[in-house]
Amino acid sequence: MLGRLNHVALAVPDLAAAMAAYRDTLGGRLSEPQALPEHGVTVVFVDVGNTKIELLEPLGETSPIAAFLEKNPAGGMHHVCYEVDDILAARDHLKASGARVLGDGNPKIGAHGKPVLFLHPKDFFGTLVELEQV
């Protein structure tokens, strides 16, 4: 079911500072910032060749990233994203296996314009998992 690792997402308290560090210090190739109001975040992707790093900054006070940063003020790893061929088949398999799909269980459109779902971190050893259909 799982395909390749699509990205590792980092919650950051200051997107501009994080962009500068990844661009100027690490030499990363960055996308333009993209606001995703339906997810409560602004994102930037850092292309590292074989995968991406997603920098997440809260967009609004109700952002799930704002809550994460309250607990982790310096930021940190937020989630990992794996690719799947068929997100609905993956969801159905996971639910039948006892995994919890967050939200209403229906995919939303993610930052890449593709359907995504999130899986409860307690079912995956403390790691929030995102699935993205490719």
Protein backbone atom coordinates (compact mmCIF):
# COMPACT_ATOMS: atom_id res chain seq x y z
CA MET A 1 0.00 0.00 0.00
CA LEU A 2 2.70 2.55 0.97
CA GLY A 3 4.65 4.21 -1.76
CA ARG A 4 7.66 6.45 -1.37
CA LEU A 5 8.19 9.05 1.32
CA ASN A 6 6.75 12.25 -0.14
CA HIS A 7 7.87 14.68 2.57
CA VAL A 8 8.73 15.28 6.20
CA ALA A 9 6.86 18.25 7.66
CA LEU A 10 8.39 20.62 10.18
CA ALA A 11 6.30 23.09 12.17
CA VAL A 12 8.16 26.39 12.42
CA PRO A 13 7.39 29.50 14.48
CA ASP A 14 8.88 31.85 11.84
CA LEU A 15 8.54 30.79 8.20
CA ALA A 16 10.82 33.54 6.87
CA ALA A 17 13.61 32.52 9.27
CA ALA A 18 13.16 28.85 8.41
CA MET A 19 13.23 29.63 4.68
CA ALA A 20 16.44 31.63 5.11
CA ALA A 21 18.09 28.80 7.06
CA TYR A 22 17.16 26.15 4.51
CA ARG A 23 18.01 28.36 1.51
CA ASP A 24 21.08 30.28 2.70
CA THR A 25 22.67 27.93 5.21
CA LEU A 26 21.76 24.53 3.73
CA GLY A 27 21.55 25.56 0.06
CA GLY A 28 18.03 24.21 -0.42
CA ARG A 29 15.75 24.91 -3.37
CA LEU A 30 12.51 26.37 -2.02
CA SER A 31 9.02 26.73 -3.41
CA GLU A 32 7.07 29.93 -3.00
CA PRO A 33 5.01 30.17 0.21
CA GLN A 34 1.48 28.86 -0.28
CA ALA A 35 -1.39 29.70 2.08
CA LEU A 36 -3.79 26.82 2.67
CA PRO A 37 -6.66 28.30 4.70
CA GLU A 38 -8.61 25.01 4.70
CA HIS A 39 -5.67 23.41 6.56
CA GLY A 40 -4.78 26.49 8.65
CA VAL A 41 -1.19 26.68 7.40
CA THR A 42 1.22 28.41 5.10
CA VAL A 43 3.65 25.95 3.51
CA VAL A 44 6.98 26.05 1.73
CA PHE A 45 8.60 22.95 0.24
CA VAL A 46 12.34 22.40 0.24
CA ASP A 47 13.38 20.09 -2.59
CA VAL A 48 16.14 17.76 -1.40
CA GLY A 49 16.26 15.58 -4.50
CA ASN A 50 14.81 12.28 -3.32
CA THR A 51 12.04 13.84 -1.21
CA LYS A 52 10.91 17.19 0.23
CA ILE A 53 10.89 18.98 3.56
CA GLU A 54 7.65 20.86 4.20
CA LEU A 55 7.93 23.96 6.38
CA LEU A 56 4.61 24.73 8.10
CA GLU A 57 3.67 28.02 9.72
CA PRO A 58 0.29 28.61 11.41
CA LEU A 59 -2.27 30.52 9.40
CA GLY A 60 -4.66 31.91 11.97
CA GLU A 61 -5.13 31.31 15.67
CA THR A 62 -7.11 28.09 15.21
CA SER A 63 -4.38 26.43 13.16
CA PRO A 64 -3.40 22.96 14.34
CA ILE A 65 0.20 24.13 13.89
CA ALA A 66 -0.39 26.94 16.41
CA ALA A 67 -1.41 24.32 18.98
CA PHE A 68 1.67 22.24 18.12
CA LEU A 69 3.94 25.28 18.55
CA GLU A 70 2.41 26.08 21.95
CA LYS A 71 3.77 22.73 23.13
CA ASN A 72 6.97 23.00 21.05
CA PRO A 73 7.84 26.73 20.82
CA ALA A 74 11.04 26.15 18.83
CA GLY A 75 9.18 24.01 16.29
CA GLY A 76 9.85 20.42 15.33
CA MET A 77 8.82 17.47 13.22
CA HIS A 78 5.06 17.52 12.72
CA HIS A 79 4.33 14.60 10.38
CA VAL A 80 5.60 12.29 7.66
CA CYS A 81 3.79 11.90 4.35
CA TYR A 82 3.71 8.69 2.34
CA GLU A 83 2.37 8.27 -1.17
CA VAL A 84 -0.42 5.82 -1.98
CA ASP A 85 -1.90 4.88 -5.34
CA ASP A 86 -5.54 4.86 -4.20
CA ILE A 87 -6.33 6.91 -1.12
CA LEU A 88 -9.86 5.55 -0.70
CA ALA A 89 -8.66 1.93 -0.85
CA ALA A 90 -5.87 2.83 1.61
CA ARG A 91 -8.39 4.48 3.95
CA ASP A 92 -10.74 1.52 3.83
CA HIS A 93 -7.91 -0.95 4.48
CA LEU A 94 -6.60 1.13 7.40
CA LYS A 95 -10.04 1.50 8.98
CA ALA A 96 -10.66 -2.25 8.63
CA SER A 97 -7.30 -2.80 10.35
CA GLY A 98 -8.33 -0.58 13.26
CA ALA A 99 -6.33 2.55 12.37
CA ARG A 100 -8.02 5.88 13.04
CA VAL A 101 -8.39 8.36 10.20
CA LEU A 102 -8.56 11.93 11.48
CA GLY A 103 -11.33 14.36 10.59
CA ASP A 104 -14.45 13.04 8.91
CA GLY A 105 -12.54 10.30 7.08
CA ASN A 106 -12.87 11.93 3.68
CA PRO A 107 -9.79 13.12 1.82
CA LYS A 108 -9.09 16.84 1.52
CA ILE A 109 -7.01 18.50 -1.16
CA GLY A 110 -3.47 19.06 0.09
CA ALA A 111 -0.67 21.45 -0.83
CA HIS A 112 0.20 19.50 -3.99
CA GLY A 113 -3.40 19.66 -5.23
CA LYS A 114 -3.91 15.95 -4.50
CA PRO A 115 -6.17 14.14 -2.00
CA VAL A 116 -4.70 13.65 1.49
CA LEU A 117 -5.70 11.99 4.76
CA PHE A 118 -4.12 12.06 8.21
CA LEU A 119 -3.83 9.07 10.54
CA HIS A 120 -3.89 9.26 14.33
CA PRO A 121 -0.37 9.40 15.82
CA LYS A 122 -1.30 6.99 18.62
CA ASP A 123 -1.79 4.28 16.00
CA PHE A 124 1.69 4.85 14.50
CA PHE A 125 4.03 5.06 17.50
CA GLY A 126 3.55 8.75 18.20
CA THR A 127 3.98 9.93 14.62
CA LEU A 128 1.26 11.78 12.72
CA VAL A 129 1.05 10.15 9.28
CA GLU A 130 -0.26 11.85 6.15
CA LEU A 131 -1.20 9.84 3.07
CA GLU A 132 -1.21 11.53 -0.34
CA GLN A 133 -2.65 9.99 -3.46
CA VAL A 134 -0.29 10.10 -6.43
